[in-house]
Amino acid sequence: STQSTGDFKVGEVWQEIISELMVDNITPIRSDRDALREIQQIIGAKSEAVKRHQLEILEREQASEQEEEQACYEQIRSNYKQWEQQNDSRINFISKTSDYETLQMAKQKQSALAEKSRREPPSSAGMVEHNTLLRMLTTTVHSGRHINIPLSETPPPPPGTGRDITSPHKVLPAISPRTLR
C-alpha cells in the first residue's frame, strides 16, 4: 500500500547512505552504527512481511485457478459420461428394435423389474375372504344399499302419505347373495 511504498523509499535512502559511508571508508560511531543496524533490520522485516503477503496472494490465486480448472475438468467428465450413456442407450434401442430376441429379453427384464417393484398384498391373516362372483348377478356397478328400478306404469303416491316425493323410480332393498342361490 501507500505507507509500505513510503517506507521502502525511506529504506532505499538509508541503504544509499550506508553504501556511501562504506565506499568513502567512513566508520560511524557506535550509536550511529546501532541506529543503522536497527534501520536495516526494520527494513528487512518490512520487506519480508510484504514478500510473505505477496506469496499468500499468489498461492490463493493459484489455488483458485486450480479449483476452477478442476471444476472445468469435472464438467468435461460429466458431459462425456452423459454422452456415453446416451450413446449406450441409443445402441441398446437400435439392437432392441432390430433383433427380436434382444427385444424379448428386454421385455422380460422390464416385466421382472415391474413385478419386483410392486408392493406385496397385505397379510390376510384372520380375515374372511368373500366370493365376488355371484351366479345370477347381471350388474357390474356397485349400487349401494338400495337398487333403483324405474317404474313407468305405477302412478305417483298420493300427496300427504309421507311419500310425496315424485320420482319415476321405486326404492327396493338390495338383493342378498342368499336370495340368488
N, C-alpha and C. Protein backbone atom coordinates (compact mmCIF):
# COMPACT_ATOMS: atom_id res chain seq x y z
N SER A 1 0.83 -1.18 0.00
CA SER A 1 0.00 0.00 0.00
C SER A 1 0.87 1.25 0.00
N THR A 2 0.28 2.42 0.19
CA THR A 2 1.00 3.68 0.09
C THR A 2 2.03 3.83 1.21
N GLN A 3 1.66 3.42 2.42
CA GLN A 3 2.60 3.53 3.54
C GLN A 3 3.81 2.63 3.32
N SER A 4 3.56 1.40 2.84
CA SER A 4 4.69 0.48 2.57
C SER A 4 5.60 1.06 1.50
N THR A 5 5.03 1.70 0.49
CA THR A 5 5.85 2.29 -0.56
C THR A 5 6.72 3.39 0.01
N GLY A 6 6.14 4.25 0.87
CA GLY A 6 6.92 5.32 1.51
C GLY A 6 8.01 4.75 2.39
N ASP A 7 7.70 3.68 3.13
CA ASP A 7 8.71 3.04 3.99
C ASP A 7 9.85 2.49 3.15
N PHE A 8 9.53 1.90 2.01
CA PHE A 8 10.58 1.35 1.16
C PHE A 8 11.46 2.46 0.57
N LYS A 9 10.85 3.59 0.24
CA LYS A 9 11.63 4.71 -0.28
C LYS A 9 12.61 5.20 0.80
N VAL A 10 12.13 5.35 2.04
CA VAL A 10 13.00 5.78 3.14
C VAL A 10 14.10 4.75 3.35
N GLY A 11 13.74 3.47 3.29
CA GLY A 11 14.72 2.39 3.44
C GLY A 11 15.76 2.43 2.34
N GLU A 12 15.34 2.75 1.12
CA GLU A 12 16.27 2.84 -0.01
C GLU A 12 17.27 3.98 0.21
N VAL A 13 16.78 5.11 0.72
CA VAL A 13 17.66 6.24 1.01
C VAL A 13 18.68 5.85 2.07
N TRP A 14 18.23 5.15 3.11
CA TRP A 14 19.15 4.74 4.16
C TRP A 14 20.18 3.73 3.60
N GLN A 15 19.79 2.86 2.72
CA GLN A 15 20.74 1.91 2.12
C GLN A 15 21.80 2.66 1.31
N GLU A 16 21.39 3.72 0.59
CA GLU A 16 22.34 4.53 -0.16
C GLU A 16 23.33 5.22 0.79
N ILE A 17 22.81 5.72 1.91
CA ILE A 17 23.69 6.39 2.89
C ILE A 17 24.71 5.40 3.43
N ILE A 18 24.26 4.20 3.78
CA ILE A 18 25.17 3.19 4.33
C ILE A 18 26.21 2.79 3.30
N SER A 19 25.81 2.57 2.03
CA SER A 19 26.77 2.18 1.00
C SER A 19 27.77 3.31 0.70
N GLU A 20 27.33 4.58 0.74
CA GLU A 20 28.26 5.69 0.52
C GLU A 20 29.27 5.80 1.67
N LEU A 21 28.79 5.54 2.89
CA LEU A 21 29.71 5.55 4.03
C LEU A 21 30.76 4.46 3.87
N MET A 22 30.37 3.27 3.36
CA MET A 22 31.31 2.17 3.18
C MET A 22 32.29 2.48 2.05
N VAL A 23 31.80 3.10 0.95
CA VAL A 23 32.66 3.44 -0.18
C VAL A 23 33.70 4.48 0.24
N ASP A 24 33.24 5.44 1.02
CA ASP A 24 34.15 6.51 1.47
C ASP A 24 35.01 6.06 2.65
N ASN A 25 34.85 4.82 3.07
CA ASN A 25 35.62 4.23 4.16
C ASN A 25 35.44 5.01 5.46
N ILE A 26 34.18 5.41 5.71
CA ILE A 26 33.86 6.15 6.94
C ILE A 26 33.19 5.16 7.89
N THR A 27 33.66 5.11 9.11
CA THR A 27 33.10 4.24 10.13
C THR A 27 32.27 5.10 11.08
N PRO A 28 30.95 4.82 11.13
CA PRO A 28 30.11 5.62 12.04
C PRO A 28 30.42 5.28 13.50
N ILE A 29 30.06 6.22 14.36
CA ILE A 29 30.28 5.98 15.79
C ILE A 29 29.30 4.91 16.25
N ARG A 30 29.53 4.37 17.41
CA ARG A 30 28.78 3.22 17.92
C ARG A 30 27.26 3.47 17.91
N SER A 31 26.82 4.59 18.40
CA SER A 31 25.37 4.86 18.45
C SER A 31 24.78 4.94 17.03
N ASP A 32 25.53 5.54 16.07
CA ASP A 32 25.06 5.61 14.69
C ASP A 32 25.05 4.21 14.05
N ARG A 33 26.11 3.43 14.37
CA ARG A 33 26.15 2.05 13.86
C ARG A 33 24.94 1.26 14.35
N ASP A 34 24.61 1.38 15.63
CA ASP A 34 23.44 0.68 16.19
C ASP A 34 22.14 1.14 15.52
N ALA A 35 22.04 2.46 15.30
CA ALA A 35 20.85 3.00 14.64
C ALA A 35 20.75 2.48 13.21
N LEU A 36 21.87 2.44 12.48
CA LEU A 36 21.85 1.94 11.10
C LEU A 36 21.48 0.46 11.05
N ARG A 37 22.03 -0.33 12.00
CA ARG A 37 21.67 -1.75 12.06
C ARG A 37 20.17 -1.92 12.32
N GLU A 38 19.63 -1.15 13.25
CA GLU A 38 18.20 -1.24 13.57
C GLU A 38 17.35 -0.86 12.36
N ILE A 39 17.79 0.19 11.65
CA ILE A 39 17.07 0.61 10.43
C ILE A 39 17.10 -0.52 9.40
N GLN A 40 18.25 -1.15 9.22
CA GLN A 40 18.35 -2.27 8.27
C GLN A 40 17.45 -3.44 8.70
N GLN A 41 17.38 -3.73 9.99
CA GLN A 41 16.52 -4.82 10.47
C GLN A 41 15.05 -4.50 10.23
N ILE A 42 14.66 -3.25 10.51
CA ILE A 42 13.26 -2.85 10.30
C ILE A 42 12.91 -2.95 8.82
N ILE A 43 13.82 -2.45 7.96
CA ILE A 43 13.58 -2.51 6.51
C ILE A 43 13.50 -3.97 6.06
N GLY A 44 14.40 -4.81 6.56
CA GLY A 44 14.39 -6.23 6.21
C GLY A 44 13.11 -6.92 6.67
N ALA A 45 12.66 -6.60 7.90
CA ALA A 45 11.41 -7.21 8.42
C ALA A 45 10.22 -6.78 7.58
N LYS A 46 10.17 -5.48 7.21
CA LYS A 46 9.04 -4.99 6.38
C LYS A 46 9.07 -5.66 5.01
N SER A 47 10.26 -5.76 4.42
CA SER A 47 10.33 -6.38 3.09
C SER A 47 9.94 -7.86 3.17
N GLU A 48 10.31 -8.56 4.25
CA GLU A 48 9.90 -9.96 4.42
C GLU A 48 8.39 -10.08 4.59
N ALA A 49 7.79 -9.14 5.36
CA ALA A 49 6.33 -9.16 5.56
C ALA A 49 5.61 -8.95 4.23
N VAL A 50 6.10 -8.01 3.44
CA VAL A 50 5.49 -7.75 2.13
C VAL A 50 5.66 -8.96 1.22
N LYS A 51 6.85 -9.55 1.27
CA LYS A 51 7.11 -10.74 0.45
C LYS A 51 6.17 -11.88 0.83
N ARG A 52 5.98 -12.13 2.15
CA ARG A 52 5.05 -13.18 2.60
C ARG A 52 3.62 -12.89 2.14
N HIS A 53 3.23 -11.62 2.28
CA HIS A 53 1.88 -11.23 1.86
C HIS A 53 1.68 -11.46 0.36
N GLN A 54 2.67 -11.09 -0.44
CA GLN A 54 2.57 -11.30 -1.88
C GLN A 54 2.51 -12.79 -2.21
N LEU A 55 3.31 -13.60 -1.50
CA LEU A 55 3.28 -15.05 -1.74
C LEU A 55 1.92 -15.65 -1.37
N GLU A 56 1.33 -15.16 -0.26
CA GLU A 56 0.00 -15.63 0.12
C GLU A 56 -1.02 -15.30 -0.97
N ILE A 57 -0.92 -14.08 -1.50
CA ILE A 57 -1.85 -13.69 -2.58
C ILE A 57 -1.66 -14.59 -3.79
N LEU A 58 -0.41 -14.85 -4.17
CA LEU A 58 -0.14 -15.73 -5.31
C LEU A 58 -0.65 -17.14 -5.07
N GLU A 59 -0.45 -17.66 -3.85
CA GLU A 59 -0.93 -19.01 -3.54
C GLU A 59 -2.45 -19.08 -3.61
N ARG A 60 -3.13 -18.04 -3.09
CA ARG A 60 -4.60 -18.02 -3.17
C ARG A 60 -5.06 -17.98 -4.62
N GLU A 61 -4.40 -17.16 -5.44
CA GLU A 61 -4.77 -17.08 -6.86
C GLU A 61 -4.54 -18.42 -7.55
N GLN A 62 -3.41 -19.05 -7.26
CA GLN A 62 -3.13 -20.35 -7.87
C GLN A 62 -4.14 -21.40 -7.42
N ALA A 63 -4.48 -21.39 -6.12
CA ALA A 63 -5.48 -22.35 -5.62
C ALA A 63 -6.83 -22.11 -6.28
N SER A 64 -7.19 -20.84 -6.43
CA SER A 64 -8.46 -20.50 -7.09
C SER A 64 -8.46 -20.96 -8.55
N GLU A 65 -7.36 -20.70 -9.25
CA GLU A 65 -7.26 -21.15 -10.65
C GLU A 65 -7.33 -22.67 -10.74
N GLN A 66 -6.67 -23.35 -9.79
CA GLN A 66 -6.68 -24.81 -9.81
C GLN A 66 -8.09 -25.34 -9.55
N GLU A 67 -8.82 -24.71 -8.62
CA GLU A 67 -10.20 -25.13 -8.35
C GLU A 67 -11.07 -24.93 -9.59
N GLU A 68 -10.90 -23.78 -10.26
CA GLU A 68 -11.68 -23.51 -11.48
C GLU A 68 -11.35 -24.54 -12.56
N GLU A 69 -10.06 -24.85 -12.69
CA GLU A 69 -9.64 -25.83 -13.68
C GLU A 69 -10.21 -27.21 -13.34
N GLN A 70 -10.19 -27.57 -12.06
CA GLN A 70 -10.75 -28.86 -11.63
C GLN A 70 -12.24 -28.92 -11.91
N ALA A 71 -12.95 -27.82 -11.63
CA ALA A 71 -14.39 -27.77 -11.90
C ALA A 71 -14.64 -27.92 -13.40
N CYS A 72 -13.80 -27.30 -14.21
CA CYS A 72 -13.95 -27.41 -15.66
C CYS A 72 -13.75 -28.86 -16.11
N TYR A 73 -12.70 -29.51 -15.56
CA TYR A 73 -12.45 -30.92 -15.90
C TYR A 73 -13.61 -31.81 -15.45
N GLU A 74 -14.16 -31.52 -14.27
CA GLU A 74 -15.31 -32.29 -13.78
C GLU A 74 -16.50 -32.13 -14.73
N GLN A 75 -16.71 -30.91 -15.21
CA GLN A 75 -17.80 -30.66 -16.16
C GLN A 75 -17.56 -31.44 -17.45
N ILE A 76 -16.32 -31.45 -17.92
CA ILE A 76 -15.99 -32.19 -19.15
C ILE A 76 -16.24 -33.68 -18.92
N ARG A 77 -15.77 -34.21 -17.76
CA ARG A 77 -16.00 -35.63 -17.45
C ARG A 77 -17.49 -35.96 -17.40
N SER A 78 -18.26 -35.07 -16.75
CA SER A 78 -19.70 -35.28 -16.63
C SER A 78 -20.36 -35.29 -18.01
N ASN A 79 -19.98 -34.34 -18.86
CA ASN A 79 -20.54 -34.27 -20.21
C ASN A 79 -20.19 -35.53 -21.01
N TYR A 80 -18.94 -35.98 -20.86
CA TYR A 80 -18.51 -37.17 -21.59
C TYR A 80 -19.26 -38.40 -21.10
N LYS A 81 -19.43 -38.51 -19.78
CA LYS A 81 -20.16 -39.65 -19.22
C LYS A 81 -21.61 -39.65 -19.70
N GLN A 82 -22.23 -38.46 -19.72
CA GLN A 82 -23.60 -38.34 -20.21
C GLN A 82 -23.66 -38.73 -21.68
N TRP A 83 -22.69 -38.29 -22.47
CA TRP A 83 -22.66 -38.65 -23.88
C TRP A 83 -22.54 -40.16 -24.03
N GLU A 84 -21.66 -40.80 -23.23
CA GLU A 84 -21.51 -42.26 -23.29
C GLU A 84 -22.82 -42.96 -22.95
N GLN A 85 -23.52 -42.48 -21.92
CA GLN A 85 -24.79 -43.09 -21.54
C GLN A 85 -25.82 -42.94 -22.65
N GLN A 86 -25.87 -41.77 -23.27
CA GLN A 86 -26.81 -41.57 -24.37
C GLN A 86 -26.46 -42.48 -25.54
N ASN A 87 -25.19 -42.61 -25.82
CA ASN A 87 -24.74 -43.47 -26.91
C ASN A 87 -25.09 -44.94 -26.61
N ASP A 88 -24.82 -45.38 -25.37
CA ASP A 88 -25.18 -46.74 -24.98
C ASP A 88 -26.68 -46.97 -25.09
N SER A 89 -27.45 -45.98 -24.67
CA SER A 89 -28.91 -46.09 -24.75
C SER A 89 -29.36 -46.19 -26.20
N ARG A 90 -28.75 -45.37 -27.06
CA ARG A 90 -29.09 -45.41 -28.48
C ARG A 90 -28.74 -46.77 -29.10
N ILE A 91 -27.56 -47.29 -28.75
CA ILE A 91 -27.15 -48.61 -29.27
C ILE A 91 -28.09 -49.69 -28.76
N ASN A 92 -28.47 -49.61 -27.47
CA ASN A 92 -29.39 -50.57 -26.88
C ASN A 92 -30.75 -50.51 -27.59
N PHE A 93 -31.24 -49.29 -27.86
CA PHE A 93 -32.52 -49.14 -28.55
C PHE A 93 -32.46 -49.73 -29.95
N ILE A 94 -31.37 -49.44 -30.65
CA ILE A 94 -31.23 -49.97 -32.01
C ILE A 94 -31.18 -51.49 -32.00
N SER A 95 -30.44 -52.06 -31.05
CA SER A 95 -30.34 -53.52 -31.00
C SER A 95 -31.69 -54.13 -30.63
N LYS A 96 -32.47 -53.46 -29.76
CA LYS A 96 -33.78 -54.00 -29.39
C LYS A 96 -34.74 -53.95 -30.57
N THR A 97 -34.67 -52.89 -31.37
CA THR A 97 -35.62 -52.76 -32.47
C THR A 97 -35.20 -53.56 -33.70
N SER A 98 -33.95 -53.99 -33.76
CA SER A 98 -33.52 -54.72 -34.94
C SER A 98 -33.37 -56.22 -34.69
N ASP A 99 -33.35 -56.65 -33.43
CA ASP A 99 -33.17 -58.06 -33.12
C ASP A 99 -34.31 -58.51 -32.21
N TYR A 100 -35.12 -59.47 -32.71
CA TYR A 100 -36.31 -59.91 -31.99
C TYR A 100 -35.95 -60.55 -30.64
N GLU A 101 -34.90 -61.34 -30.60
CA GLU A 101 -34.51 -62.00 -29.35
C GLU A 101 -34.09 -60.97 -28.29
N THR A 102 -33.37 -59.96 -28.72
CA THR A 102 -32.96 -58.90 -27.79
C THR A 102 -34.18 -58.16 -27.28
N LEU A 103 -35.15 -57.93 -28.16
CA LEU A 103 -36.39 -57.27 -27.75
C LEU A 103 -37.12 -58.10 -26.71
N GLN A 104 -37.20 -59.42 -26.93
CA GLN A 104 -37.88 -60.29 -25.97
C GLN A 104 -37.17 -60.28 -24.62
N MET A 105 -35.84 -60.29 -24.64
CA MET A 105 -35.08 -60.27 -23.39
C MET A 105 -35.32 -58.95 -22.65
N ALA A 106 -35.39 -57.86 -23.39
CA ALA A 106 -35.64 -56.55 -22.78
C ALA A 106 -37.04 -56.51 -22.16
N LYS A 107 -38.02 -57.09 -22.85
CA LYS A 107 -39.38 -57.14 -22.32
C LYS A 107 -39.44 -57.95 -21.04
N GLN A 108 -38.75 -59.09 -21.03
CA GLN A 108 -38.72 -59.93 -19.82
C GLN A 108 -38.06 -59.19 -18.66
N LYS A 109 -36.97 -58.51 -18.96
CA LYS A 109 -36.27 -57.75 -17.92
C LYS A 109 -37.16 -56.65 -17.37
N GLN A 110 -37.87 -55.96 -18.26
CA GLN A 110 -38.76 -54.89 -17.83
C GLN A 110 -39.91 -55.45 -17.00
N SER A 111 -40.46 -56.58 -17.41
CA SER A 111 -41.55 -57.21 -16.64
C SER A 111 -41.06 -57.65 -15.27
N ALA A 112 -39.86 -58.21 -15.22
CA ALA A 112 -39.30 -58.64 -13.93
C ALA A 112 -39.10 -57.44 -13.00
N LEU A 113 -38.62 -56.33 -13.54
CA LEU A 113 -38.44 -55.13 -12.72
C LEU A 113 -39.78 -54.59 -12.25
N ALA A 114 -40.80 -54.65 -13.12
CA ALA A 114 -42.13 -54.18 -12.72
C ALA A 114 -42.70 -55.05 -11.61
N GLU A 115 -42.54 -56.36 -11.73
CA GLU A 115 -43.02 -57.27 -10.68
C GLU A 115 -42.28 -57.03 -9.37
N LYS A 116 -41.01 -56.80 -9.47
CA LYS A 116 -40.18 -56.59 -8.28
C LYS A 116 -40.58 -55.30 -7.57
N SER A 117 -41.03 -54.30 -8.33
CA SER A 117 -41.36 -53.02 -7.72
C SER A 117 -42.77 -52.98 -7.13
N ARG A 118 -43.60 -53.97 -7.43
CA ARG A 118 -44.97 -53.99 -6.89
C ARG A 118 -44.94 -54.28 -5.40
N ARG A 119 -45.88 -53.70 -4.70
CA ARG A 119 -45.99 -53.93 -3.26
C ARG A 119 -46.62 -55.30 -3.01
N GLU A 120 -46.22 -55.89 -1.93
CA GLU A 120 -46.80 -57.16 -1.54
C GLU A 120 -48.22 -56.90 -1.04
N PRO A 121 -49.17 -57.80 -1.35
CA PRO A 121 -50.52 -57.58 -0.83
C PRO A 121 -50.51 -57.69 0.70
N PRO A 122 -51.38 -56.94 1.36
CA PRO A 122 -51.41 -57.01 2.82
C PRO A 122 -51.75 -58.41 3.29
N SER A 123 -51.27 -58.74 4.46
CA SER A 123 -51.49 -60.07 5.02
C SER A 123 -52.97 -60.28 5.29
N SER A 124 -53.47 -61.45 4.94
CA SER A 124 -54.90 -61.73 5.14
C SER A 124 -55.12 -62.65 6.33
N ALA A 125 -54.22 -62.59 7.31
CA ALA A 125 -54.37 -63.43 8.50
C ALA A 125 -55.57 -62.95 9.30
N GLY A 126 -56.48 -63.86 9.62
CA GLY A 126 -57.65 -63.54 10.41
C GLY A 126 -58.75 -62.85 9.64
N MET A 127 -58.64 -62.73 8.33
CA MET A 127 -59.65 -62.07 7.53
C MET A 127 -60.44 -63.13 6.76
N VAL A 128 -61.72 -62.87 6.55
CA VAL A 128 -62.58 -63.77 5.79
C VAL A 128 -62.63 -63.27 4.36
N GLU A 129 -62.36 -64.15 3.44
CA GLU A 129 -62.39 -63.76 2.04
C GLU A 129 -63.76 -64.15 1.47
N HIS A 130 -64.41 -63.19 0.84
CA HIS A 130 -65.74 -63.42 0.28
C HIS A 130 -65.62 -63.64 -1.22
N ASN A 131 -66.50 -64.46 -1.72
CA ASN A 131 -66.55 -64.70 -3.15
C ASN A 131 -67.17 -63.48 -3.83
N THR A 132 -66.51 -62.98 -4.84
CA THR A 132 -67.03 -61.78 -5.52
C THR A 132 -67.86 -62.14 -6.75
N LEU A 133 -67.92 -63.40 -7.13
CA LEU A 133 -68.71 -63.81 -8.29
C LEU A 133 -70.01 -64.43 -7.82
N LEU A 134 -71.13 -63.79 -8.17
CA LEU A 134 -72.44 -64.31 -7.83
C LEU A 134 -73.08 -64.85 -9.11
N ARG A 135 -73.75 -65.96 -9.01
CA ARG A 135 -74.25 -66.64 -10.21
C ARG A 135 -75.23 -65.81 -11.01
N MET A 136 -76.22 -65.24 -10.39
CA MET A 136 -77.27 -64.57 -11.15
C MET A 136 -77.12 -63.05 -11.21
N LEU A 137 -75.97 -62.55 -10.85
CA LEU A 137 -75.75 -61.12 -10.84
C LEU A 137 -75.57 -60.63 -12.28
N THR A 138 -76.33 -59.58 -12.64
CA THR A 138 -76.25 -59.05 -14.01
C THR A 138 -75.74 -57.62 -14.04
N THR A 139 -75.30 -57.08 -12.94
CA THR A 139 -74.78 -55.71 -12.92
C THR A 139 -73.28 -55.75 -12.64
N THR A 140 -72.60 -54.74 -13.13
CA THR A 140 -71.14 -54.67 -12.89
C THR A 140 -70.77 -53.46 -12.05
N VAL A 141 -71.78 -52.70 -11.63
CA VAL A 141 -71.52 -51.49 -10.85
C VAL A 141 -72.08 -51.68 -9.45
N HIS A 142 -71.36 -51.26 -8.44
CA HIS A 142 -71.86 -51.33 -7.07
C HIS A 142 -72.95 -50.30 -6.92
N SER A 143 -74.11 -50.74 -6.47
CA SER A 143 -75.26 -49.84 -6.44
C SER A 143 -75.57 -49.31 -5.06
N GLY A 144 -74.86 -49.67 -4.04
CA GLY A 144 -75.13 -49.15 -2.71
C GLY A 144 -76.09 -50.07 -1.96
N ARG A 145 -76.78 -49.50 -0.95
CA ARG A 145 -77.67 -50.31 -0.11
C ARG A 145 -79.01 -50.57 -0.78
N HIS A 146 -79.37 -49.74 -1.74
CA HIS A 146 -80.67 -49.89 -2.40
C HIS A 146 -80.47 -49.97 -3.91
N ILE A 147 -81.46 -50.54 -4.57
CA ILE A 147 -81.45 -50.63 -6.03
C ILE A 147 -82.61 -49.80 -6.54
N ASN A 148 -82.35 -48.90 -7.46
CA ASN A 148 -83.41 -48.09 -8.07
C ASN A 148 -83.87 -48.78 -9.34
N ILE A 149 -85.17 -49.07 -9.40
CA ILE A 149 -85.75 -49.70 -10.60
C ILE A 149 -86.78 -48.73 -11.16
N PRO A 150 -86.61 -48.31 -12.39
CA PRO A 150 -87.61 -47.39 -12.96
C PRO A 150 -88.95 -48.11 -13.17
N LEU A 151 -90.00 -47.47 -12.72
CA LEU A 151 -91.35 -48.00 -12.89
C LEU A 151 -92.17 -46.96 -13.65
N SER A 152 -92.48 -47.24 -14.87
CA SER A 152 -93.21 -46.25 -15.66
C SER A 152 -94.72 -46.43 -15.54
N GLU A 153 -95.22 -47.66 -15.22
CA GLU A 153 -96.67 -47.86 -15.18
C GLU A 153 -97.30 -47.56 -13.84
N THR A 154 -96.53 -47.30 -12.79
CA THR A 154 -97.08 -47.05 -11.47
C THR A 154 -97.31 -45.54 -11.30
N PRO A 155 -98.52 -45.17 -10.84
CA PRO A 155 -98.79 -43.74 -10.63
C PRO A 155 -98.05 -43.25 -9.37
N PRO A 156 -97.77 -41.94 -9.29
CA PRO A 156 -97.10 -41.40 -8.10
C PRO A 156 -97.97 -41.55 -6.86
N PRO A 157 -97.39 -41.63 -5.65
CA PRO A 157 -98.20 -41.79 -4.44
C PRO A 157 -99.02 -40.53 -4.17
N PRO A 158 -100.14 -40.70 -3.50
CA PRO A 158 -101.00 -39.53 -3.23
C PRO A 158 -100.31 -38.57 -2.26
N PRO A 159 -100.54 -37.27 -2.39
CA PRO A 159 -99.92 -36.31 -1.50
C PRO A 159 -100.40 -36.50 -0.05
N GLY A 160 -99.51 -36.25 0.91
CA GLY A 160 -99.86 -36.34 2.32
C GLY A 160 -99.62 -37.72 2.92
N THR A 161 -99.19 -38.68 2.13
CA THR A 161 -98.95 -40.02 2.67
C THR A 161 -97.52 -40.18 3.17
N GLY A 162 -96.74 -39.12 3.12
CA GLY A 162 -95.36 -39.21 3.56
C GLY A 162 -94.42 -39.61 2.44
N ARG A 163 -95.01 -39.98 1.34
CA ARG A 163 -94.20 -40.38 0.19
C ARG A 163 -94.53 -39.47 -0.98
N ASP A 164 -94.54 -38.16 -0.71
CA ASP A 164 -94.93 -37.21 -1.74
C ASP A 164 -93.77 -36.76 -2.61
N ILE A 165 -92.65 -37.44 -2.55
CA ILE A 165 -91.55 -37.14 -3.46
C ILE A 165 -91.84 -37.84 -4.76
N THR A 166 -92.01 -37.08 -5.80
CA THR A 166 -92.32 -37.69 -7.09
C THR A 166 -91.03 -38.13 -7.75
N SER A 167 -90.93 -39.41 -7.99
CA SER A 167 -89.76 -39.97 -8.65
C SER A 167 -90.23 -41.09 -9.54
N PRO A 168 -89.65 -41.22 -10.70
CA PRO A 168 -90.04 -42.32 -11.57
C PRO A 168 -89.43 -43.65 -11.12
N HIS A 169 -88.73 -43.67 -9.98
CA HIS A 169 -88.08 -44.88 -9.51
C HIS A 169 -88.69 -45.36 -8.20
N LYS A 170 -88.68 -46.65 -8.02
CA LYS A 170 -89.14 -47.23 -6.78
C LYS A 170 -87.90 -47.75 -6.06
N VAL A 171 -87.79 -47.51 -4.76
CA VAL A 171 -86.63 -47.91 -3.98
C VAL A 171 -86.91 -49.27 -3.37
N LEU A 172 -86.06 -50.25 -3.69
CA LEU A 172 -86.19 -51.61 -3.16
C LEU A 172 -84.94 -51.94 -2.36
N PRO A 173 -85.05 -52.81 -1.36
CA PRO A 173 -83.84 -53.21 -0.64
C PRO A 173 -82.95 -54.03 -1.56
N ALA A 174 -81.65 -53.99 -1.25
CA ALA A 174 -80.67 -54.72 -2.07
C ALA A 174 -80.90 -56.22 -1.96
N ILE A 175 -80.58 -56.92 -3.02
CA ILE A 175 -80.73 -58.38 -3.05
C ILE A 175 -79.53 -59.00 -2.37
N SER A 176 -79.77 -59.89 -1.45
CA SER A 176 -78.65 -60.54 -0.75
C SER A 176 -78.21 -61.76 -1.56
N PRO A 177 -76.96 -62.21 -1.34
CA PRO A 177 -76.47 -63.38 -2.07
C PRO A 177 -77.28 -64.64 -1.78
N ARG A 178 -77.88 -64.71 -0.60
CA ARG A 178 -78.68 -65.92 -0.26
C ARG A 178 -79.92 -66.04 -1.13
N THR A 179 -80.53 -64.91 -1.51
CA THR A 179 -81.73 -64.97 -2.33
C THR A 179 -81.41 -65.33 -3.77
N LEU A 180 -80.15 -65.19 -4.18
CA LEU A 180 -79.78 -65.51 -5.55
C LEU A 180 -79.54 -66.98 -5.74
N ARG A 181 -79.28 -67.73 -4.70
CA ARG A 181 -78.95 -69.15 -4.82
C ARG A 181 -80.13 -70.02 -5.06
